[in-house]
């Protein structure tokens, strides 16, 4: 297993899972990947000087359970210091094949320095929420789509008075006519501020910034004017390099949603969740990464969740650790259980479990107190 630390070879190393019938076939596929991802021409047509300099190196191919592990390393200069080319190098044309899955990724310092990483990270999110002790944070989503801006603002106020640290837009709230973006943001931010003043809480509001790229600048200006400290984004919809730009220049904390990323999470093809969400999202600047926790409405195992938590918090060059955000059907009554399993450097995003209770404020307060004193 390659771990997310500095590459000893100075090269980009990618571990691919290959669903090939034999070792010979797996070696042939690995060599084909090394060529396809770099020069994209038959080996016989590659200039001799480029065979070692540019073409990927097949470091090893070995049996792994019912498949094969192929580790291929690439010259970092091919990356060019750009997120789009980085993604193209890892999984560009070969994403069109079948039975090829990225299982692990190891990057040298020169590549890590090309990414912004989290601007705030775990410690910064706690500071934004004015949480001075090392405990998990609590988040809740204002929903559903179809409510008015006033109704959503009322929900935000209840969550803030109940002790929720980050009250956020649901990822499906954008600029619908029931709750237009400008009105919703202004009302929700005001509701959270009023709730804090009345209850002595310190909640912050993160609106959903996943929107047409040509509208982002105007929307960010609005967020700054009303006093928002962070945003929710869906990187696979908004664009990974767009998120990198936001993280590097907006001054806002970034909470990344996994929506649409599941298209890559096949057992035999795609990218392992702990690589895409745990490493790539962190590199492009996600301060917190939402994922579907085990036992919720999505088929994730605790083992997969732990691997992602570890990847988000593990050393990665000079980059800050990102906050794992367990969501996707977290039961409010089981937060203490997950707190014991995952430790304090977590955030719990609770939605349906709150909405199934009549008293949103009271339900939030009980969970907030459980996290505060657990």
Protein backbone atom coordinates (compact mmCIF):
# COMPACT_ATOMS: atom_id res chain seq x y z
CA UNK A 1 0.00 0.00 0.00
CA UNK A 2 1.31 3.43 -0.94
CA UNK A 3 0.60 6.00 1.77
CA UNK A 4 -0.04 9.74 1.28
CA UNK A 5 3.44 10.89 2.20
CA UNK A 6 6.24 12.43 0.19
CA UNK A 7 7.26 10.25 -2.76
CA UNK A 8 10.71 8.84 -2.13
CA UNK A 9 11.36 8.52 -5.86
CA UNK A 10 10.51 12.14 -6.69
CA UNK A 11 7.94 10.83 -9.17
CA UNK A 12 4.14 10.70 -9.16
CA UNK A 13 3.22 7.13 -8.26
CA UNK A 14 -0.26 5.76 -8.91
CA UNK A 15 -1.51 2.37 -7.81
CA UNK A 16 -4.07 0.98 -10.26
CA UNK A 17 -6.31 -2.03 -9.70
CA UNK A 18 -6.53 -3.99 -12.94
CA UNK A 19 -9.25 -6.55 -13.62
CA UNK A 20 -7.14 -8.68 -15.97
CA UNK A 21 -7.42 -12.46 -16.36
CA UNK A 22 -3.69 -13.24 -16.12
CA UNK A 23 -0.42 -11.72 -15.01
CA UNK A 24 0.66 -11.42 -18.63
CA UNK A 25 -2.50 -9.53 -19.50
CA UNK A 26 -2.10 -7.27 -16.45
CA UNK A 27 1.49 -6.41 -17.43
CA UNK A 28 0.39 -5.63 -20.98
CA UNK A 29 -2.42 -3.40 -19.71
CA UNK A 30 -0.08 -1.61 -17.31
CA UNK A 31 2.33 -0.84 -20.13
CA UNK A 32 -0.56 0.33 -22.28
CA UNK A 33 -1.68 2.66 -19.48
CA UNK A 34 1.84 4.07 -19.11
CA UNK A 35 1.85 4.93 -22.80
CA UNK A 36 -1.75 6.12 -23.04
CA UNK A 37 -1.47 8.49 -20.10
CA UNK A 38 1.69 10.13 -21.38
CA UNK A 39 2.57 10.03 -25.08
CA UNK A 40 -0.68 8.46 -26.41
CA UNK A 41 1.02 6.79 -29.38
CA UNK A 42 2.25 3.21 -29.98
CA UNK A 43 5.52 2.39 -28.28
CA UNK A 44 7.23 1.76 -31.62
CA UNK A 45 6.50 5.36 -32.62
CA UNK A 46 7.87 6.97 -29.46
CA UNK A 47 11.19 8.82 -29.96
CA UNK A 48 13.91 6.94 -28.11
CA UNK A 49 14.80 9.84 -25.83
CA UNK A 50 11.19 10.06 -24.59
CA UNK A 51 10.79 6.39 -23.67
CA UNK A 52 12.47 6.85 -20.29
CA UNK A 53 11.96 10.60 -19.85
CA UNK A 54 8.23 10.91 -20.54
CA UNK A 55 6.58 7.49 -20.79
CA UNK A 56 5.31 6.24 -17.45
CA UNK A 57 7.38 3.60 -15.67
CA UNK A 58 5.67 0.36 -14.69
CA UNK A 59 7.25 -0.14 -11.28
CA UNK A 60 5.55 -3.43 -10.42
CA UNK A 61 2.59 -5.64 -11.16
CA UNK A 62 1.48 -8.15 -8.56
CA UNK A 63 -1.54 -10.13 -7.47
CA UNK A 64 -3.98 -8.41 -5.12
CA UNK A 65 -6.92 -10.59 -4.06
CA UNK A 66 -9.05 -11.19 -7.16
CA UNK A 67 -7.29 -8.53 -9.27
CA UNK A 68 -3.84 -7.11 -9.99
CA UNK A 69 -2.06 -4.11 -8.56
CA UNK A 70 0.01 -2.10 -11.03
CA UNK A 71 2.11 0.77 -9.73
CA UNK A 72 3.01 3.24 -12.46
CA UNK A 73 5.15 6.31 -11.87
CA UNK A 74 5.16 9.49 -13.92
CA UNK A 75 7.57 12.35 -14.49
CA UNK A 76 6.24 15.28 -12.37
CA UNK A 77 6.97 17.82 -15.11
CA UNK A 78 4.22 16.25 -17.21
CA UNK A 79 1.80 17.56 -14.59
CA UNK A 80 2.74 21.14 -15.45
CA UNK A 81 1.59 22.39 -12.05
CA UNK A 82 -2.03 22.49 -13.24
CA UNK A 83 -5.05 20.72 -11.76
CA UNK A 84 -6.63 19.86 -15.15
CA UNK A 85 -3.44 18.27 -16.44
CA UNK A 86 -2.90 16.51 -13.11
CA UNK A 87 -6.31 14.85 -13.46
CA UNK A 88 -5.65 14.03 -17.09
CA UNK A 89 -2.38 12.35 -16.15
CA UNK A 90 -3.94 10.23 -13.41
CA UNK A 91 -7.07 9.02 -15.14
CA UNK A 92 -7.58 10.75 -18.48
CA UNK A 93 -8.09 8.46 -21.46
CA UNK A 94 -7.94 5.31 -19.35
CA UNK A 95 -11.18 6.34 -17.67
CA UNK A 96 -12.74 5.21 -20.96
CA UNK A 97 -11.48 1.66 -20.45
CA UNK A 98 -13.10 -0.86 -18.11
CA UNK A 99 -11.66 -2.59 -15.07
CA UNK A 100 -9.14 0.14 -14.14
CA UNK A 101 -9.40 1.75 -10.70
CA UNK A 102 -7.05 4.12 -8.89
CA UNK A 103 -6.43 2.68 -5.43
CA UNK A 104 -3.65 4.91 -4.12
CA UNK A 105 -1.60 7.98 -4.94
CA UNK A 106 1.83 9.13 -3.82
CA UNK A 107 3.06 12.62 -4.71
CA UNK A 108 6.50 14.26 -4.55
CA UNK A 109 7.03 17.69 -2.96
CA UNK A 110 7.16 19.52 -6.30
CA UNK A 111 3.61 18.38 -7.08
CA UNK A 112 2.25 19.00 -3.59
CA UNK A 113 3.52 22.59 -3.72
CA UNK A 114 1.46 23.21 -6.86
CA UNK A 115 -1.77 22.80 -4.91
CA UNK A 116 -3.15 25.30 -2.36
CA UNK A 117 -4.42 22.75 0.14
CA UNK A 118 -6.83 23.86 2.86
CA UNK A 119 -6.64 27.51 3.86
CA UNK A 120 -8.25 26.79 7.23
CA UNK A 121 -8.32 23.04 7.81
CA UNK A 122 -9.44 21.46 11.07
CA UNK A 123 -8.01 24.11 13.38
CA UNK A 124 -9.24 26.94 11.19
CA UNK A 125 -12.80 25.64 11.07
CA UNK A 126 -12.82 25.43 14.86
CA UNK A 127 -11.56 29.00 15.02
CA UNK A 128 -14.28 30.23 12.63
CA UNK A 129 -16.88 28.55 14.87
CA UNK A 130 -15.16 29.90 17.99
CA UNK A 131 -14.78 26.41 19.39
CA UNK A 132 -11.78 26.54 21.69
CA UNK A 133 -11.74 22.89 22.79
CA UNK A 134 -10.80 19.83 20.74
CA UNK A 135 -14.22 18.33 20.14
CA UNK A 136 -16.22 17.33 17.06
CA UNK A 137 -18.16 20.05 15.28
CA UNK A 138 -21.86 19.78 14.52
CA UNK A 139 -23.47 20.81 11.23
CA UNK A 140 -27.04 20.81 9.98
CA UNK A 141 -28.62 21.58 6.61
CA UNK A 142 -31.49 23.95 5.94
CA UNK A 143 -33.91 22.11 3.66
CA UNK A 144 -35.85 21.09 1.62
CA UNK A 145 -36.01 22.74 -1.78
CA UNK A 146 -39.41 24.37 -2.18
CA UNK A 147 -39.42 26.31 1.09
CA UNK A 148 -39.24 30.08 0.92
CA UNK A 149 -36.22 32.09 1.99
CA UNK A 150 -38.11 33.15 5.13
CA UNK A 151 -38.91 29.55 6.02
CA UNK A 152 -35.31 28.42 5.48
CA UNK A 153 -34.06 31.34 7.56
CA UNK A 154 -36.36 30.31 10.40
CA UNK A 155 -34.85 26.81 10.29
CA UNK A 156 -31.33 28.26 10.35
CA UNK A 157 -32.22 30.29 13.43
CA UNK A 158 -33.50 27.20 15.25
CA UNK A 159 -30.34 25.24 14.49
CA UNK A 160 -28.14 28.15 15.58
CA UNK A 161 -30.00 28.57 18.88
CA UNK A 162 -29.70 24.83 19.41
CA UNK A 163 -25.90 24.97 19.31
CA UNK A 164 -25.13 23.80 15.78
CA UNK A 165 -21.68 25.05 14.79
CA UNK A 166 -22.13 25.25 11.00
CA UNK A 167 -25.61 25.79 9.60
CA UNK A 168 -25.43 25.25 5.88
CA UNK A 169 -27.56 25.32 2.78
CA UNK A 170 -28.67 21.98 1.47
CA UNK A 171 -26.60 21.17 -1.62
CA UNK A 172 -29.74 21.34 -3.79
CA UNK A 173 -30.48 24.96 -2.88
CA UNK A 174 -29.23 27.26 -5.60
CA UNK A 175 -31.23 30.14 -7.09
CA UNK A 176 -34.71 28.63 -7.33
CA UNK A 177 -37.65 31.03 -7.45
CA UNK A 178 -38.95 29.89 -4.04
CA UNK A 179 -35.74 31.04 -2.34
CA UNK A 180 -33.53 33.14 -4.65
CA UNK A 181 -29.85 33.09 -3.75
CA UNK A 182 -29.48 36.74 -2.76
CA UNK A 183 -32.58 36.81 -0.58
CA UNK A 184 -31.88 33.43 0.99
CA UNK A 185 -28.29 34.23 1.90
CA UNK A 186 -29.20 37.59 3.42
CA UNK A 187 -32.08 36.17 5.44
CA UNK A 188 -30.27 33.04 6.63
CA UNK A 189 -27.14 34.92 7.62
CA UNK A 190 -29.24 37.46 9.53
CA UNK A 191 -31.23 34.70 11.23
CA UNK A 192 -28.04 32.99 12.43
CA UNK A 193 -26.57 36.24 13.71
CA UNK A 194 -29.79 37.09 15.59
CA UNK A 195 -29.93 33.60 17.07
CA UNK A 196 -26.34 33.86 18.26
CA UNK A 197 -27.04 37.22 19.90
CA UNK A 198 -30.13 35.89 21.65
CA UNK A 199 -28.79 32.51 22.76
CA UNK A 200 -25.09 33.23 23.21
CA UNK A 201 -24.19 30.69 20.52
CA UNK A 202 -21.49 31.03 17.86
CA UNK A 203 -22.97 29.38 14.78
CA UNK A 204 -21.88 30.32 11.27
CA UNK A 205 -23.83 30.03 8.03
CA UNK A 206 -22.31 28.41 4.92
CA UNK A 207 -24.44 28.98 1.78
CA UNK A 208 -24.23 26.74 -1.27
CA UNK A 209 -21.91 28.36 -3.81
CA UNK A 210 -22.24 25.68 -6.48
CA UNK A 211 -23.45 27.86 -9.33
CA UNK A 212 -22.66 28.92 -12.92
CA UNK A 213 -19.01 29.98 -13.01
CA UNK A 214 -19.80 33.35 -14.55
CA UNK A 215 -21.91 34.20 -11.47
CA UNK A 216 -19.40 33.20 -8.83
CA UNK A 217 -17.67 36.56 -8.46
CA UNK A 218 -20.94 38.42 -7.85
CA UNK A 219 -22.11 35.79 -5.38
CA UNK A 220 -18.83 35.87 -3.47
CA UNK A 221 -19.08 39.67 -3.24
CA UNK A 222 -22.51 39.27 -1.69
CA UNK A 223 -21.25 36.71 0.83
CA UNK A 224 -18.49 39.05 1.92
CA UNK A 225 -20.94 41.94 2.33
CA UNK A 226 -23.31 40.00 4.57
CA UNK A 227 -20.49 38.45 6.60
CA UNK A 228 -20.42 34.76 5.59
CA UNK A 229 -17.22 32.98 6.60
CA UNK A 230 -17.48 29.87 4.44
CA UNK A 231 -19.34 28.09 1.67
CA UNK A 232 -20.58 24.70 0.57
CA UNK A 233 -19.38 23.56 -2.86
CA UNK A 234 -19.82 20.40 -4.94
CA UNK A 235 -16.42 20.03 -6.66
CA UNK A 236 -17.47 17.46 -9.26
CA UNK A 237 -20.22 19.79 -10.50
CA UNK A 238 -18.51 23.14 -10.04
CA UNK A 239 -15.14 21.91 -11.29
CA UNK A 240 -12.07 20.87 -9.33
CA UNK A 241 -9.92 23.70 -10.64
CA UNK A 242 -12.67 26.22 -9.90
CA UNK A 243 -12.63 25.02 -6.29
CA UNK A 244 -8.85 25.43 -6.26
CA UNK A 245 -9.30 29.04 -7.38
CA UNK A 246 -11.91 29.70 -4.70
CA UNK A 247 -9.76 28.15 -1.99
CA UNK A 248 -6.75 30.21 -2.99
CA UNK A 249 -8.42 33.59 -3.39
CA UNK A 250 -11.87 33.91 -1.85
CA UNK A 251 -10.88 34.00 1.82
CA UNK A 252 -13.82 31.69 2.54
CA UNK A 253 -13.65 28.29 4.18
CA UNK A 254 -14.57 25.47 1.79
CA UNK A 255 -16.90 22.63 2.77
CA UNK A 256 -16.89 20.08 -0.08
CA UNK A 257 -19.93 17.95 -0.89
CA UNK A 258 -19.48 14.49 -2.53
CA UNK A 259 -22.43 14.88 -4.90
CA UNK A 260 -21.72 13.31 -8.35
CA UNK A 261 -18.43 11.83 -7.11
CA UNK A 262 -20.10 8.46 -6.69
CA UNK A 263 -19.90 7.99 -10.45
CA UNK A 264 -16.19 7.21 -9.86
CA UNK A 265 -16.63 4.79 -6.97
CA UNK A 266 -17.12 1.50 -8.77
CA UNK A 267 -15.59 -1.58 -7.18
CA UNK A 268 -13.72 -2.44 -10.40
CA UNK A 269 -13.42 0.91 -12.16
CA UNK A 270 -12.93 4.54 -11.16
CA UNK A 271 -11.13 6.13 -8.23
CA UNK A 272 -11.15 4.95 -4.62
CA UNK A 273 -13.14 7.35 -2.40
CA UNK A 274 -10.26 7.94 -0.02
CA UNK A 275 -8.12 9.09 -2.97
CA UNK A 276 -10.68 11.36 -4.67
CA UNK A 277 -12.39 12.76 -1.58
CA UNK A 278 -9.54 12.29 0.86
CA UNK A 279 -6.56 13.43 -1.14
CA UNK A 280 -7.62 15.25 -4.32
CA UNK A 281 -10.35 17.28 -2.59
CA UNK A 282 -7.88 18.16 0.15
CA UNK A 283 -5.21 19.20 -2.33
CA UNK A 284 -7.55 21.58 -4.17
CA UNK A 285 -8.40 23.32 -0.91
CA UNK A 286 -11.32 21.63 0.85
CA UNK A 287 -11.22 22.52 4.54
CA UNK A 288 -13.89 19.95 5.28
CA UNK A 289 -15.07 17.00 3.18
CA UNK A 290 -18.56 15.54 3.52
CA UNK A 291 -18.99 11.81 2.99
CA UNK A 292 -21.79 9.27 3.55
CA UNK A 293 -21.19 7.60 6.88
CA UNK A 294 -21.61 3.90 7.55
CA UNK A 295 -25.06 2.90 8.71
CA UNK A 296 -26.79 5.68 6.80
CA UNK A 297 -28.77 5.58 3.59
CA UNK A 298 -25.75 4.93 1.38
CA UNK A 299 -23.81 1.62 1.24
CA UNK A 300 -20.55 2.73 2.84
CA UNK A 301 -18.68 0.56 5.31
CA UNK A 302 -17.02 1.75 8.48
CA UNK A 303 -13.73 0.57 7.03
CA UNK A 304 -14.14 2.89 4.03
CA UNK A 305 -15.06 5.77 6.32
CA UNK A 306 -12.03 5.20 8.52
CA UNK A 307 -9.74 5.10 5.48
CA UNK A 308 -11.14 8.43 4.32
CA UNK A 309 -10.85 10.00 7.78
CA UNK A 310 -7.23 8.89 7.96
CA UNK A 311 -6.40 10.25 4.51
CA UNK A 312 -7.92 13.64 5.27
CA UNK A 313 -5.92 13.99 8.48
CA UNK A 314 -2.64 12.30 7.52
CA UNK A 315 0.58 14.26 6.85
CA UNK A 316 0.61 15.59 3.28
CA UNK A 317 3.63 17.79 2.75
CA UNK A 318 3.00 21.21 4.30
CA UNK A 319 -0.78 21.06 3.77
CA UNK A 320 -3.16 21.39 6.67
CA UNK A 321 -5.39 18.42 7.53
CA UNK A 322 -8.99 18.60 6.34
CA UNK A 323 -11.96 17.98 8.60
CA UNK A 324 -13.82 14.71 7.86
CA UNK A 325 -17.57 15.42 7.81
CA UNK A 326 -19.72 12.33 8.37
CA UNK A 327 -23.19 12.75 6.84
CA UNK A 328 -25.55 10.89 4.58
CA UNK A 329 -28.02 9.78 7.22
CA UNK A 330 -26.17 10.12 10.52
CA UNK A 331 -28.64 9.29 13.29
CA UNK A 332 -28.66 11.96 16.00
CA UNK A 333 -28.99 9.26 18.64
CA UNK A 334 -25.76 7.54 17.51
CA UNK A 335 -23.42 10.53 17.50
CA UNK A 336 -21.80 9.46 20.77
CA UNK A 337 -21.10 6.05 19.21
CA UNK A 338 -19.38 7.55 16.17
CA UNK A 339 -17.52 10.01 18.36
CA UNK A 340 -15.97 7.09 20.22
CA UNK A 341 -15.12 5.37 16.92
CA UNK A 342 -13.68 8.33 15.02
CA UNK A 343 -12.23 10.68 17.64
CA UNK A 344 -12.57 14.43 18.16
CA UNK A 345 -11.24 15.73 14.83
CA UNK A 346 -14.59 15.28 13.09
CA UNK A 347 -17.73 17.09 12.04
CA UNK A 348 -21.15 15.43 12.05
CA UNK A 349 -23.70 16.59 9.50
CA UNK A 350 -27.22 15.69 10.59
CA UNK A 351 -30.28 16.18 8.42
CA UNK A 352 -33.17 13.73 8.30
CA UNK A 353 -32.68 12.61 11.90
CA UNK A 354 -33.35 16.19 13.05
CA UNK A 355 -36.27 16.72 10.70
CA UNK A 356 -37.99 13.60 11.99
CA UNK A 357 -38.28 15.33 15.37
CA UNK A 358 -40.85 18.05 16.00
CA UNK A 359 -38.55 20.38 17.91
CA UNK A 360 -35.54 21.19 15.69
CA UNK A 361 -33.95 23.48 18.24
CA UNK A 362 -34.31 20.97 21.06
CA UNK A 363 -33.05 18.10 18.92
CA UNK A 364 -29.99 20.11 17.90
CA UNK A 365 -29.32 21.14 21.49
CA UNK A 366 -29.30 17.54 22.70
CA UNK A 367 -26.74 16.50 20.09
CA UNK A 368 -24.62 19.64 20.65
CA UNK A 369 -24.49 18.90 24.36
CA UNK A 370 -23.65 15.25 23.72
CA UNK A 371 -20.66 16.30 21.62
CA UNK A 372 -19.63 19.01 24.02
CA UNK A 373 -19.50 16.72 27.04
CA UNK A 374 -18.62 13.37 25.46
